[in-house]
Amino acid sequence: MRYLLIILSLFLFSCGSNPKAPPPTESHMIFLRGKIQDLNDCGSIEGCRFKRTKVRYNEDESYILMKVTTQLKASYKDNNNYFNTLKDIHKAFAYQHDALIQVYQGENEKISEWVNGKYQK
């Protein structure tokens, strides 16, 4: 009976653990930065959409940070569209990793969301 309890407890603990994806390669991070720069569209008549962009992997916490700071003239709708596009980029190209997606306008955080990765061994 004691062995049954030990086996059962080991099974329950192992089911609760969520395996993490291996860190993304540098070429993968460069690719993600390029996708966000494509969204930035600095070649338009109005100029760049973002003042700053940041895409990096946090090794301590095992997640990808995708952060843009929009121009002050960006509307609420613009910020939501950028946020949804960042989520789409994550879903299409980095779905296996957890991510923190943030849209700032100036120094003010407008939208921020944690997205769980879907890594499977």
N, C-alpha and C. Protein backbone atom coordinates (compact mmCIF):
# COMPACT_ATOMS: atom_id res chain seq x y z
N MET A 1 0.82 -1.20 0.00
CA MET A 1 0.00 0.00 0.00
C MET A 1 0.86 1.26 0.00
N ARG A 2 1.95 1.22 0.77
CA ARG A 2 2.83 2.37 0.85
C ARG A 2 3.44 2.67 -0.53
N TYR A 3 3.84 1.60 -1.26
CA TYR A 3 4.43 1.78 -2.59
C TYR A 3 3.41 2.37 -3.57
N LEU A 4 2.18 1.97 -3.41
CA LEU A 4 1.13 2.51 -4.26
C LEU A 4 0.96 4.01 -4.05
N LEU A 5 1.02 4.45 -2.80
CA LEU A 5 0.92 5.88 -2.50
C LEU A 5 2.12 6.65 -3.06
N ILE A 6 3.29 6.08 -2.95
CA ILE A 6 4.49 6.73 -3.49
C ILE A 6 4.39 6.85 -5.00
N ILE A 7 4.00 5.79 -5.67
CA ILE A 7 3.88 5.82 -7.14
C ILE A 7 2.80 6.80 -7.55
N LEU A 8 1.69 6.80 -6.84
CA LEU A 8 0.60 7.72 -7.17
C LEU A 8 1.03 9.18 -6.98
N SER A 9 1.75 9.47 -5.90
CA SER A 9 2.19 10.85 -5.67
C SER A 9 3.22 11.28 -6.72
N LEU A 10 4.13 10.40 -7.12
CA LEU A 10 5.08 10.73 -8.17
C LEU A 10 4.37 11.00 -9.49
N PHE A 11 3.34 10.23 -9.78
CA PHE A 11 2.58 10.43 -11.00
C PHE A 11 1.89 11.79 -10.99
N LEU A 12 1.27 12.14 -9.87
CA LEU A 12 0.57 13.42 -9.78
C LEU A 12 1.52 14.60 -9.91
N PHE A 13 2.70 14.52 -9.29
CA PHE A 13 3.66 15.61 -9.40
C PHE A 13 4.22 15.74 -10.81
N SER A 14 4.43 14.62 -11.48
CA SER A 14 4.99 14.68 -12.83
C SER A 14 3.96 15.21 -13.83
N CYS A 15 2.68 14.96 -13.59
CA CYS A 15 1.64 15.46 -14.50
C CYS A 15 1.49 16.97 -14.39
N GLY A 16 1.77 17.51 -13.22
CA GLY A 16 1.60 18.95 -13.01
C GLY A 16 2.71 19.79 -13.59
N SER A 17 3.85 19.20 -13.88
CA SER A 17 4.96 19.99 -14.39
C SER A 17 4.78 20.26 -15.88
N ASN A 18 5.08 21.47 -16.26
CA ASN A 18 4.94 21.88 -17.65
C ASN A 18 6.34 22.03 -18.24
N PRO A 19 6.74 21.18 -19.19
CA PRO A 19 8.10 21.29 -19.73
C PRO A 19 8.28 22.61 -20.47
N LYS A 20 9.46 23.16 -20.34
CA LYS A 20 9.79 24.42 -21.01
C LYS A 20 10.51 24.13 -22.32
N ALA A 21 10.27 24.99 -23.27
CA ALA A 21 10.96 24.88 -24.56
C ALA A 21 12.42 25.26 -24.37
N PRO A 22 13.31 24.70 -25.17
CA PRO A 22 14.70 25.15 -25.11
C PRO A 22 14.78 26.61 -25.56
N PRO A 23 15.79 27.33 -25.11
CA PRO A 23 15.90 28.74 -25.51
C PRO A 23 15.93 28.89 -27.03
N PRO A 24 15.34 29.97 -27.54
CA PRO A 24 15.39 30.19 -28.99
C PRO A 24 16.82 30.49 -29.43
N THR A 25 17.11 30.15 -30.66
CA THR A 25 18.44 30.45 -31.20
C THR A 25 18.54 31.94 -31.50
N GLU A 26 19.73 32.41 -31.64
CA GLU A 26 19.93 33.84 -31.97
C GLU A 26 19.31 34.17 -33.34
N SER A 27 19.39 33.23 -34.28
CA SER A 27 18.80 33.48 -35.60
C SER A 27 17.28 33.57 -35.49
N HIS A 28 16.68 32.82 -34.59
CA HIS A 28 15.23 32.91 -34.37
C HIS A 28 14.86 34.26 -33.78
N MET A 29 15.67 34.76 -32.84
CA MET A 29 15.41 36.08 -32.25
C MET A 29 15.58 37.19 -33.30
N ILE A 30 16.57 37.05 -34.16
CA ILE A 30 16.77 38.03 -35.24
C ILE A 30 15.57 38.01 -36.17
N PHE A 31 15.05 36.83 -36.46
CA PHE A 31 13.86 36.71 -37.30
C PHE A 31 12.66 37.42 -36.66
N LEU A 32 12.44 37.20 -35.35
CA LEU A 32 11.33 37.87 -34.66
C LEU A 32 11.50 39.39 -34.67
N ARG A 33 12.72 39.85 -34.44
CA ARG A 33 12.98 41.31 -34.50
C ARG A 33 12.67 41.85 -35.89
N GLY A 34 13.01 41.08 -36.92
CA GLY A 34 12.72 41.50 -38.29
C GLY A 34 11.23 41.60 -38.55
N LYS A 35 10.45 40.65 -38.02
CA LYS A 35 8.99 40.69 -38.18
C LYS A 35 8.41 41.94 -37.53
N ILE A 36 8.92 42.30 -36.37
CA ILE A 36 8.42 43.49 -35.69
C ILE A 36 8.88 44.76 -36.42
N GLN A 37 10.08 44.73 -36.97
CA GLN A 37 10.54 45.88 -37.76
C GLN A 37 9.70 46.04 -39.03
N ASP A 38 9.27 44.92 -39.62
CA ASP A 38 8.37 45.00 -40.78
C ASP A 38 7.06 45.70 -40.39
N LEU A 39 6.56 45.42 -39.20
CA LEU A 39 5.36 46.07 -38.70
C LEU A 39 5.59 47.55 -38.45
N ASN A 40 6.80 47.91 -38.10
CA ASN A 40 7.16 49.30 -37.80
C ASN A 40 6.98 50.20 -39.03
N ASP A 41 7.23 49.69 -40.22
CA ASP A 41 6.98 50.39 -41.48
C ASP A 41 7.58 51.80 -41.52
N CYS A 42 8.89 51.87 -41.33
CA CYS A 42 9.56 53.18 -41.33
C CYS A 42 9.61 53.83 -42.71
N GLY A 43 9.27 53.10 -43.75
CA GLY A 43 9.31 53.67 -45.09
C GLY A 43 8.05 54.43 -45.47
N SER A 44 7.05 54.46 -44.58
CA SER A 44 5.80 55.15 -44.92
C SER A 44 5.99 56.67 -44.86
N ILE A 45 5.03 57.37 -45.43
CA ILE A 45 5.07 58.84 -45.47
C ILE A 45 5.04 59.41 -44.05
N GLU A 46 4.29 58.78 -43.16
CA GLU A 46 4.14 59.29 -41.80
C GLU A 46 5.34 58.95 -40.91
N GLY A 47 6.25 58.14 -41.37
CA GLY A 47 7.41 57.76 -40.57
C GLY A 47 7.14 56.48 -39.79
N CYS A 48 8.05 56.15 -38.91
CA CYS A 48 7.96 54.91 -38.14
C CYS A 48 6.75 54.92 -37.20
N ARG A 49 6.16 53.75 -37.01
CA ARG A 49 5.04 53.62 -36.07
C ARG A 49 5.52 53.58 -34.63
N PHE A 50 6.74 53.07 -34.43
CA PHE A 50 7.25 52.87 -33.07
C PHE A 50 8.45 53.76 -32.80
N LYS A 51 8.53 54.25 -31.57
CA LYS A 51 9.72 54.97 -31.13
C LYS A 51 10.83 53.97 -30.79
N ARG A 52 10.42 52.86 -30.16
CA ARG A 52 11.39 51.82 -29.77
C ARG A 52 10.74 50.45 -29.90
N THR A 53 11.58 49.46 -30.16
CA THR A 53 11.13 48.07 -30.12
C THR A 53 12.15 47.28 -29.29
N LYS A 54 11.66 46.26 -28.63
CA LYS A 54 12.55 45.40 -27.84
C LYS A 54 12.04 43.98 -27.96
N VAL A 55 12.92 43.10 -28.41
CA VAL A 55 12.62 41.67 -28.47
C VAL A 55 13.83 40.97 -27.89
N ARG A 56 13.61 40.30 -26.78
CA ARG A 56 14.73 39.59 -26.15
C ARG A 56 14.20 38.37 -25.40
N TYR A 57 15.11 37.46 -25.12
CA TYR A 57 14.77 36.26 -24.37
C TYR A 57 15.30 36.41 -22.95
N ASN A 58 14.43 36.26 -21.97
CA ASN A 58 14.83 36.31 -20.57
C ASN A 58 15.20 34.89 -20.14
N GLU A 59 16.47 34.64 -20.01
CA GLU A 59 16.94 33.28 -19.69
C GLU A 59 16.58 32.87 -18.27
N ASP A 60 16.58 33.82 -17.33
CA ASP A 60 16.27 33.49 -15.94
C ASP A 60 14.83 33.01 -15.78
N GLU A 61 13.92 33.65 -16.50
CA GLU A 61 12.49 33.33 -16.37
C GLU A 61 11.96 32.50 -17.55
N SER A 62 12.77 32.28 -18.56
CA SER A 62 12.42 31.47 -19.74
C SER A 62 11.19 32.00 -20.50
N TYR A 63 11.26 33.25 -20.92
CA TYR A 63 10.19 33.80 -21.74
C TYR A 63 10.77 34.81 -22.73
N ILE A 64 9.98 35.07 -23.78
CA ILE A 64 10.35 36.08 -24.78
C ILE A 64 9.60 37.36 -24.46
N LEU A 65 10.32 38.47 -24.40
CA LEU A 65 9.72 39.78 -24.23
C LEU A 65 9.57 40.41 -25.61
N MET A 66 8.35 40.82 -25.95
CA MET A 66 8.09 41.54 -27.20
C MET A 66 7.44 42.85 -26.79
N LYS A 67 8.19 43.95 -26.90
CA LYS A 67 7.73 45.25 -26.41
C LYS A 67 7.92 46.31 -27.49
N VAL A 68 6.88 47.09 -27.73
CA VAL A 68 6.99 48.24 -28.63
C VAL A 68 6.51 49.47 -27.89
N THR A 69 7.13 50.59 -28.21
CA THR A 69 6.69 51.89 -27.71
C THR A 69 6.22 52.68 -28.92
N THR A 70 4.93 52.98 -28.95
CA THR A 70 4.34 53.64 -30.12
C THR A 70 4.58 55.15 -30.07
N GLN A 71 4.38 55.78 -31.21
CA GLN A 71 4.46 57.23 -31.28
C GLN A 71 3.32 57.84 -30.45
N LEU A 72 3.50 59.05 -29.97
CA LEU A 72 2.49 59.69 -29.14
C LEU A 72 1.17 59.92 -29.88
N LYS A 73 1.23 60.03 -31.20
CA LYS A 73 0.00 60.28 -31.98
C LYS A 73 -0.82 59.01 -32.22
N ALA A 74 -0.31 57.85 -31.81
CA ALA A 74 -1.04 56.59 -32.05
C ALA A 74 -2.34 56.58 -31.24
N SER A 75 -3.40 56.12 -31.87
CA SER A 75 -4.71 56.08 -31.20
C SER A 75 -4.85 54.79 -30.39
N TYR A 76 -5.91 54.73 -29.62
CA TYR A 76 -6.23 53.52 -28.85
C TYR A 76 -6.40 52.34 -29.80
N LYS A 77 -7.07 52.57 -30.90
CA LYS A 77 -7.29 51.51 -31.90
C LYS A 77 -5.96 51.04 -32.50
N ASP A 78 -5.07 51.99 -32.81
CA ASP A 78 -3.74 51.64 -33.32
C ASP A 78 -3.00 50.74 -32.34
N ASN A 79 -2.99 51.13 -31.06
CA ASN A 79 -2.28 50.35 -30.05
C ASN A 79 -2.86 48.94 -29.94
N ASN A 80 -4.17 48.80 -29.99
CA ASN A 80 -4.79 47.48 -29.95
C ASN A 80 -4.42 46.65 -31.17
N ASN A 81 -4.40 47.30 -32.34
CA ASN A 81 -4.01 46.58 -33.56
C ASN A 81 -2.56 46.10 -33.48
N TYR A 82 -1.66 46.95 -32.98
CA TYR A 82 -0.26 46.54 -32.83
C TYR A 82 -0.15 45.38 -31.85
N PHE A 83 -0.88 45.47 -30.75
CA PHE A 83 -0.85 44.40 -29.74
C PHE A 83 -1.33 43.08 -30.34
N ASN A 84 -2.45 43.12 -31.05
CA ASN A 84 -2.98 41.89 -31.66
C ASN A 84 -2.02 41.33 -32.71
N THR A 85 -1.35 42.21 -33.43
CA THR A 85 -0.38 41.75 -34.43
C THR A 85 0.82 41.10 -33.74
N LEU A 86 1.27 41.66 -32.62
CA LEU A 86 2.36 41.04 -31.86
C LEU A 86 1.95 39.65 -31.36
N LYS A 87 0.72 39.53 -30.91
CA LYS A 87 0.23 38.21 -30.49
C LYS A 87 0.20 37.24 -31.67
N ASP A 88 -0.19 37.72 -32.83
CA ASP A 88 -0.19 36.87 -34.03
C ASP A 88 1.22 36.43 -34.41
N ILE A 89 2.19 37.35 -34.29
CA ILE A 89 3.58 37.01 -34.58
C ILE A 89 4.05 35.93 -33.61
N HIS A 90 3.71 36.08 -32.33
CA HIS A 90 4.08 35.07 -31.34
C HIS A 90 3.44 33.72 -31.69
N LYS A 91 2.17 33.75 -32.01
CA LYS A 91 1.44 32.50 -32.32
C LYS A 91 2.02 31.81 -33.55
N ALA A 92 2.43 32.58 -34.55
CA ALA A 92 2.93 32.01 -35.79
C ALA A 92 4.39 31.56 -35.70
N PHE A 93 5.22 32.29 -34.95
CA PHE A 93 6.66 32.05 -35.03
C PHE A 93 7.34 31.70 -33.70
N ALA A 94 6.63 31.85 -32.57
CA ALA A 94 7.27 31.57 -31.28
C ALA A 94 6.30 30.91 -30.31
N TYR A 95 5.31 30.20 -30.84
CA TYR A 95 4.24 29.64 -30.03
C TYR A 95 4.73 28.70 -28.93
N GLN A 96 5.88 28.09 -29.09
CA GLN A 96 6.36 27.13 -28.12
C GLN A 96 6.92 27.79 -26.86
N HIS A 97 7.15 29.10 -26.92
CA HIS A 97 7.74 29.84 -25.79
C HIS A 97 6.68 30.69 -25.09
N ASP A 98 6.82 30.81 -23.76
CA ASP A 98 6.03 31.79 -23.04
C ASP A 98 6.48 33.17 -23.50
N ALA A 99 5.56 34.14 -23.43
CA ALA A 99 5.92 35.49 -23.87
C ALA A 99 5.21 36.53 -23.04
N LEU A 100 5.88 37.66 -22.88
CA LEU A 100 5.27 38.85 -22.30
C LEU A 100 5.21 39.86 -23.44
N ILE A 101 3.99 40.23 -23.82
CA ILE A 101 3.78 41.15 -24.95
C ILE A 101 3.29 42.48 -24.37
N GLN A 102 3.99 43.57 -24.72
CA GLN A 102 3.66 44.87 -24.16
C GLN A 102 3.63 45.93 -25.24
N VAL A 103 2.64 46.84 -25.11
CA VAL A 103 2.58 48.03 -25.96
C VAL A 103 2.58 49.24 -25.02
N TYR A 104 3.57 50.09 -25.21
CA TYR A 104 3.68 51.34 -24.45
C TYR A 104 3.43 52.50 -25.40
N GLN A 105 2.98 53.61 -24.82
CA GLN A 105 2.88 54.86 -25.56
C GLN A 105 3.58 55.89 -24.68
N GLY A 106 4.74 56.35 -25.16
CA GLY A 106 5.58 57.17 -24.30
C GLY A 106 6.07 56.30 -23.15
N GLU A 107 5.90 56.77 -21.93
CA GLU A 107 6.30 56.00 -20.75
C GLU A 107 5.14 55.21 -20.15
N ASN A 108 3.95 55.33 -20.74
CA ASN A 108 2.75 54.70 -20.18
C ASN A 108 2.47 53.35 -20.82
N GLU A 109 2.30 52.35 -19.98
CA GLU A 109 1.93 51.03 -20.48
C GLU A 109 0.47 51.07 -20.88
N LYS A 110 0.19 50.69 -22.12
CA LYS A 110 -1.18 50.68 -22.62
C LYS A 110 -1.79 49.28 -22.55
N ILE A 111 -1.06 48.29 -23.03
CA ILE A 111 -1.55 46.92 -23.05
C ILE A 111 -0.39 46.00 -22.71
N SER A 112 -0.66 45.02 -21.85
CA SER A 112 0.35 44.05 -21.49
C SER A 112 -0.35 42.72 -21.22
N GLU A 113 0.22 41.65 -21.75
CA GLU A 113 -0.40 40.35 -21.54
C GLU A 113 0.66 39.26 -21.54
N TRP A 114 0.48 38.31 -20.64
CA TRP A 114 1.32 37.12 -20.59
C TRP A 114 0.68 36.07 -21.49
N VAL A 115 1.47 35.44 -22.34
CA VAL A 115 0.97 34.39 -23.24
C VAL A 115 1.75 33.12 -22.94
N ASN A 116 1.03 32.06 -22.59
CA ASN A 116 1.67 30.77 -22.31
C ASN A 116 2.06 30.08 -23.61
N GLY A 117 3.26 29.52 -23.62
CA GLY A 117 3.72 28.76 -24.78
C GLY A 117 3.06 27.39 -24.84
N LYS A 118 3.17 26.77 -25.98
CA LYS A 118 2.56 25.47 -26.21
C LYS A 118 3.63 24.43 -26.53
N TYR A 119 4.67 24.36 -25.72
CA TYR A 119 5.78 23.45 -26.00
C TYR A 119 5.38 22.00 -25.69
N GLN A 120 5.74 21.12 -26.60
CA GLN A 120 5.55 19.69 -26.39
C GLN A 120 6.83 18.99 -26.80
N LYS A 121 7.23 18.03 -25.98
CA LYS A 121 8.46 17.28 -26.30
C LYS A 121 8.24 16.40 -27.51
